[in-house]
Amino acid sequence: MRINGRSQVRPEPGVEIVASRPDPGLGDRFAPAGRPTAVVEVVRDGETWFLAVRRIPGGGTEAIPYRKDATVPTLSAFLAYARTQYAPNESGGSEGLR
């Protein structure tokens, strides 16, 4: 995946984008304000994946994958899940999606 300065995601060969939401509001633990981000539903090799995508310093792209399952079956469910993973908590915050 590649993300541009307007939070638009482009797939690599062999990956089909099903849906994308730019600037999904995952918070500062995911990316500082103003940095391009998106959540994306993709299909690769017949499997559906959800990705939290961010631009990293130097202009590269980082895509953190989560394979579709019964717990997180839609892009909206993935977005809700990802927001909880990056939300601050009593000990400062979670580890994110990793």
N, C-alpha and C. Protein backbone atom coordinates (compact mmCIF):
# COMPACT_ATOMS: atom_id res chain seq x y z
N MET A 1 0.83 -1.17 0.00
CA MET A 1 0.00 0.00 0.00
C MET A 1 0.88 1.24 0.00
N ARG A 2 0.34 2.27 -0.57
CA ARG A 2 0.99 3.58 -0.53
C ARG A 2 -0.07 4.59 -0.14
N ILE A 3 0.28 5.52 0.74
CA ILE A 3 -0.64 6.58 1.13
C ILE A 3 -0.02 7.91 0.74
N ASN A 4 -0.84 8.78 0.14
CA ASN A 4 -0.31 10.08 -0.27
C ASN A 4 -0.64 11.14 0.78
N GLY A 5 -0.27 12.37 0.51
CA GLY A 5 -0.46 13.47 1.45
C GLY A 5 -1.90 13.83 1.71
N ARG A 6 -2.82 13.32 0.91
CA ARG A 6 -4.25 13.57 1.10
C ARG A 6 -4.96 12.36 1.69
N SER A 7 -4.21 11.43 2.24
CA SER A 7 -4.72 10.21 2.88
C SER A 7 -5.43 9.28 1.91
N GLN A 8 -5.07 9.36 0.64
CA GLN A 8 -5.59 8.43 -0.35
C GLN A 8 -4.63 7.25 -0.46
N VAL A 9 -5.21 6.04 -0.45
CA VAL A 9 -4.40 4.82 -0.45
C VAL A 9 -4.45 4.19 -1.84
N ARG A 10 -3.28 3.74 -2.29
CA ARG A 10 -3.17 3.02 -3.56
C ARG A 10 -2.60 1.64 -3.26
N PRO A 11 -3.19 0.63 -3.89
CA PRO A 11 -2.74 -0.74 -3.62
C PRO A 11 -1.49 -1.11 -4.40
N GLU A 12 -0.81 -2.09 -3.91
CA GLU A 12 0.29 -2.71 -4.63
C GLU A 12 -0.32 -3.77 -5.55
N PRO A 13 0.43 -4.25 -6.56
CA PRO A 13 -0.09 -5.30 -7.44
C PRO A 13 -0.57 -6.52 -6.64
N GLY A 14 -1.71 -7.06 -7.05
CA GLY A 14 -2.26 -8.24 -6.40
C GLY A 14 -3.19 -7.94 -5.24
N VAL A 15 -3.37 -6.66 -4.93
CA VAL A 15 -4.24 -6.25 -3.82
C VAL A 15 -5.38 -5.42 -4.39
N GLU A 16 -6.61 -5.76 -4.00
CA GLU A 16 -7.79 -5.00 -4.43
C GLU A 16 -8.36 -4.25 -3.24
N ILE A 17 -8.54 -2.95 -3.37
CA ILE A 17 -9.18 -2.15 -2.32
C ILE A 17 -10.68 -2.28 -2.47
N VAL A 18 -11.35 -2.70 -1.40
CA VAL A 18 -12.80 -2.83 -1.37
C VAL A 18 -13.42 -1.54 -0.84
N ALA A 19 -12.85 -0.99 0.22
CA ALA A 19 -13.34 0.25 0.83
C ALA A 19 -12.20 0.94 1.55
N SER A 20 -12.30 2.26 1.65
CA SER A 20 -11.26 3.04 2.30
C SER A 20 -11.89 4.23 3.01
N ARG A 21 -11.36 4.55 4.18
CA ARG A 21 -11.80 5.73 4.92
C ARG A 21 -10.57 6.54 5.28
N PRO A 22 -10.39 7.70 4.64
CA PRO A 22 -9.24 8.54 4.97
C PRO A 22 -9.42 9.24 6.31
N ASP A 23 -8.31 9.52 6.96
CA ASP A 23 -8.30 10.27 8.22
C ASP A 23 -9.35 9.76 9.21
N PRO A 24 -9.25 8.50 9.65
CA PRO A 24 -10.29 7.90 10.47
C PRO A 24 -10.29 8.29 11.95
N GLY A 25 -9.36 9.14 12.36
CA GLY A 25 -9.36 9.58 13.75
C GLY A 25 -8.92 8.53 14.74
N LEU A 26 -7.79 7.89 14.48
CA LEU A 26 -7.28 6.88 15.41
C LEU A 26 -6.49 7.49 16.56
N GLY A 27 -6.26 8.78 16.53
CA GLY A 27 -5.61 9.48 17.64
C GLY A 27 -4.11 9.60 17.51
N ASP A 28 -3.55 10.38 18.43
CA ASP A 28 -2.11 10.67 18.41
C ASP A 28 -1.24 9.47 18.71
N ARG A 29 -1.78 8.44 19.35
CA ARG A 29 -0.98 7.24 19.59
C ARG A 29 -0.72 6.48 18.29
N PHE A 30 -1.59 6.70 17.28
CA PHE A 30 -1.40 6.06 15.98
C PHE A 30 -0.56 6.96 15.07
N ALA A 31 -0.91 8.24 15.01
CA ALA A 31 -0.16 9.17 14.17
C ALA A 31 -0.42 10.59 14.65
N PRO A 32 0.58 11.45 14.62
CA PRO A 32 0.38 12.84 15.04
C PRO A 32 -0.65 13.54 14.14
N ALA A 33 -1.30 14.54 14.69
CA ALA A 33 -2.27 15.32 13.93
C ALA A 33 -1.63 15.82 12.63
N GLY A 34 -2.38 15.73 11.55
CA GLY A 34 -1.90 16.20 10.26
C GLY A 34 -1.18 15.16 9.43
N ARG A 35 -0.78 14.04 10.03
CA ARG A 35 -0.11 12.99 9.26
C ARG A 35 -1.17 12.17 8.53
N PRO A 36 -0.96 11.86 7.26
CA PRO A 36 -1.94 11.08 6.49
C PRO A 36 -2.17 9.69 7.08
N THR A 37 -3.46 9.34 7.26
CA THR A 37 -3.85 8.04 7.79
C THR A 37 -5.12 7.57 7.07
N ALA A 38 -5.37 6.27 7.15
CA ALA A 38 -6.59 5.70 6.58
C ALA A 38 -6.80 4.32 7.18
N VAL A 39 -8.04 3.83 7.09
CA VAL A 39 -8.32 2.42 7.31
C VAL A 39 -8.87 1.90 5.99
N VAL A 40 -8.49 0.67 5.67
CA VAL A 40 -8.79 0.13 4.35
C VAL A 40 -9.20 -1.33 4.47
N GLU A 41 -10.18 -1.73 3.66
CA GLU A 41 -10.53 -3.14 3.51
C GLU A 41 -9.97 -3.58 2.17
N VAL A 42 -9.19 -4.66 2.18
CA VAL A 42 -8.58 -5.15 0.95
C VAL A 42 -8.80 -6.65 0.82
N VAL A 43 -8.65 -7.12 -0.42
CA VAL A 43 -8.65 -8.55 -0.69
C VAL A 43 -7.33 -8.88 -1.36
N ARG A 44 -6.67 -9.90 -0.82
CA ARG A 44 -5.42 -10.39 -1.40
C ARG A 44 -5.45 -11.90 -1.35
N ASP A 45 -5.20 -12.52 -2.47
CA ASP A 45 -5.21 -13.99 -2.55
C ASP A 45 -6.51 -14.58 -2.01
N GLY A 46 -7.63 -13.90 -2.27
CA GLY A 46 -8.93 -14.39 -1.87
C GLY A 46 -9.29 -14.18 -0.41
N GLU A 47 -8.42 -13.56 0.37
CA GLU A 47 -8.69 -13.31 1.79
C GLU A 47 -8.92 -11.82 2.02
N THR A 48 -9.84 -11.51 2.94
CA THR A 48 -10.13 -10.12 3.28
C THR A 48 -9.31 -9.71 4.49
N TRP A 49 -8.69 -8.55 4.35
CA TRP A 49 -7.87 -7.96 5.42
C TRP A 49 -8.33 -6.53 5.64
N PHE A 50 -8.16 -6.07 6.87
CA PHE A 50 -8.34 -4.67 7.20
C PHE A 50 -6.97 -4.11 7.55
N LEU A 51 -6.71 -2.88 7.13
CA LEU A 51 -5.42 -2.27 7.36
C LEU A 51 -5.59 -0.90 8.01
N ALA A 52 -4.77 -0.63 9.00
CA ALA A 52 -4.61 0.72 9.52
C ALA A 52 -3.35 1.25 8.86
N VAL A 53 -3.49 2.31 8.08
CA VAL A 53 -2.40 2.79 7.23
C VAL A 53 -1.98 4.19 7.69
N ARG A 54 -0.67 4.40 7.75
CA ARG A 54 -0.16 5.72 8.11
C ARG A 54 1.11 6.01 7.33
N ARG A 55 1.32 7.28 7.11
CA ARG A 55 2.59 7.71 6.52
C ARG A 55 3.60 7.82 7.66
N ILE A 56 4.79 7.33 7.40
CA ILE A 56 5.83 7.37 8.43
C ILE A 56 6.86 8.44 8.04
N PRO A 57 7.65 8.90 9.01
CA PRO A 57 8.67 9.89 8.69
C PRO A 57 9.54 9.43 7.51
N GLY A 58 9.84 10.34 6.63
CA GLY A 58 10.61 10.02 5.44
C GLY A 58 9.72 9.76 4.23
N GLY A 59 8.41 9.71 4.43
CA GLY A 59 7.48 9.57 3.31
C GLY A 59 7.02 8.16 3.00
N GLY A 60 7.51 7.16 3.73
CA GLY A 60 7.07 5.79 3.49
C GLY A 60 5.68 5.53 4.06
N THR A 61 5.20 4.32 3.82
CA THR A 61 3.88 3.92 4.28
C THR A 61 4.00 2.70 5.18
N GLU A 62 3.25 2.70 6.28
CA GLU A 62 3.15 1.54 7.14
C GLU A 62 1.69 1.09 7.15
N ALA A 63 1.45 -0.18 6.88
CA ALA A 63 0.11 -0.75 6.90
C ALA A 63 0.07 -1.88 7.92
N ILE A 64 -0.74 -1.72 8.95
CA ILE A 64 -0.85 -2.70 10.02
C ILE A 64 -2.07 -3.57 9.73
N PRO A 65 -1.86 -4.87 9.46
CA PRO A 65 -2.96 -5.74 9.01
C PRO A 65 -3.73 -6.41 10.14
N TYR A 66 -4.99 -6.72 9.83
CA TYR A 66 -5.85 -7.53 10.69
C TYR A 66 -6.73 -8.35 9.76
N ARG A 67 -6.66 -9.67 9.85
CA ARG A 67 -7.46 -10.53 8.96
C ARG A 67 -8.90 -10.57 9.44
N LYS A 68 -9.82 -10.43 8.51
CA LYS A 68 -11.24 -10.47 8.80
C LYS A 68 -11.58 -11.75 9.56
N ASP A 69 -12.39 -11.61 10.64
CA ASP A 69 -12.82 -12.76 11.41
C ASP A 69 -14.22 -12.49 11.95
N ALA A 70 -14.74 -13.41 12.75
CA ALA A 70 -16.10 -13.27 13.28
C ALA A 70 -16.21 -12.10 14.26
N THR A 71 -15.12 -11.74 14.92
CA THR A 71 -15.12 -10.63 15.87
C THR A 71 -15.10 -9.29 15.16
N VAL A 72 -14.35 -9.19 14.07
CA VAL A 72 -14.21 -7.95 13.31
C VAL A 72 -14.53 -8.27 11.84
N PRO A 73 -15.85 -8.28 11.48
CA PRO A 73 -16.24 -8.71 10.14
C PRO A 73 -16.39 -7.60 9.09
N THR A 74 -16.33 -6.32 9.52
CA THR A 74 -16.55 -5.21 8.58
C THR A 74 -15.52 -4.12 8.81
N LEU A 75 -15.41 -3.21 7.85
CA LEU A 75 -14.49 -2.09 8.01
C LEU A 75 -14.91 -1.21 9.18
N SER A 76 -16.22 -1.01 9.37
CA SER A 76 -16.70 -0.21 10.52
C SER A 76 -16.32 -0.87 11.84
N ALA A 77 -16.45 -2.19 11.91
CA ALA A 77 -16.06 -2.91 13.13
C ALA A 77 -14.55 -2.81 13.36
N PHE A 78 -13.77 -2.88 12.28
CA PHE A 78 -12.33 -2.73 12.41
C PHE A 78 -11.97 -1.34 12.92
N LEU A 79 -12.62 -0.32 12.39
CA LEU A 79 -12.35 1.04 12.82
C LEU A 79 -12.64 1.19 14.32
N ALA A 80 -13.77 0.68 14.78
CA ALA A 80 -14.11 0.73 16.20
C ALA A 80 -13.06 -0.01 17.04
N TYR A 81 -12.65 -1.19 16.57
CA TYR A 81 -11.64 -1.99 17.27
C TYR A 81 -10.30 -1.24 17.32
N ALA A 82 -9.88 -0.69 16.19
CA ALA A 82 -8.60 0.03 16.14
C ALA A 82 -8.62 1.25 17.05
N ARG A 83 -9.73 1.95 17.10
CA ARG A 83 -9.82 3.12 18.00
C ARG A 83 -9.63 2.70 19.45
N THR A 84 -10.19 1.57 19.85
CA THR A 84 -10.00 1.12 21.24
C THR A 84 -8.55 0.72 21.49
N GLN A 85 -7.89 0.17 20.48
CA GLN A 85 -6.50 -0.27 20.65
C GLN A 85 -5.54 0.90 20.82
N TYR A 86 -5.88 2.07 20.24
CA TYR A 86 -5.01 3.24 20.34
C TYR A 86 -5.49 4.25 21.37
N ALA A 87 -6.59 3.98 22.06
CA ALA A 87 -7.13 4.91 23.04
C ALA A 87 -6.26 4.94 24.30
N PRO A 88 -6.11 6.11 24.89
CA PRO A 88 -5.39 6.20 26.16
C PRO A 88 -6.15 5.44 27.26
N ASN A 89 -5.41 4.93 28.24
CA ASN A 89 -6.03 4.27 29.38
C ASN A 89 -5.26 4.67 30.64
N GLU A 90 -5.60 4.06 31.77
CA GLU A 90 -4.98 4.43 33.06
C GLU A 90 -3.46 4.35 33.05
N SER A 91 -2.92 3.41 32.29
CA SER A 91 -1.47 3.24 32.27
C SER A 91 -0.83 3.95 31.08
N GLY A 92 -1.57 4.82 30.42
CA GLY A 92 -1.00 5.61 29.33
C GLY A 92 -1.53 5.23 27.99
N GLY A 93 -1.90 3.98 27.78
CA GLY A 93 -2.42 3.56 26.50
C GLY A 93 -2.02 2.14 26.17
N SER A 94 -2.68 1.60 25.19
CA SER A 94 -2.39 0.23 24.79
C SER A 94 -1.23 0.20 23.82
N GLU A 95 -0.90 -0.96 23.35
CA GLU A 95 0.19 -1.14 22.39
C GLU A 95 -0.29 -0.96 20.96
N GLY A 96 -1.54 -0.61 20.77
CA GLY A 96 -2.05 -0.49 19.42
C GLY A 96 -2.41 -1.84 18.85
N LEU A 97 -2.32 -1.99 17.56
CA LEU A 97 -2.72 -3.21 16.89
C LEU A 97 -1.64 -4.27 16.86
N ARG A 98 -0.50 -4.02 17.39
CA ARG A 98 0.60 -4.98 17.32
C ARG A 98 0.56 -5.96 18.45
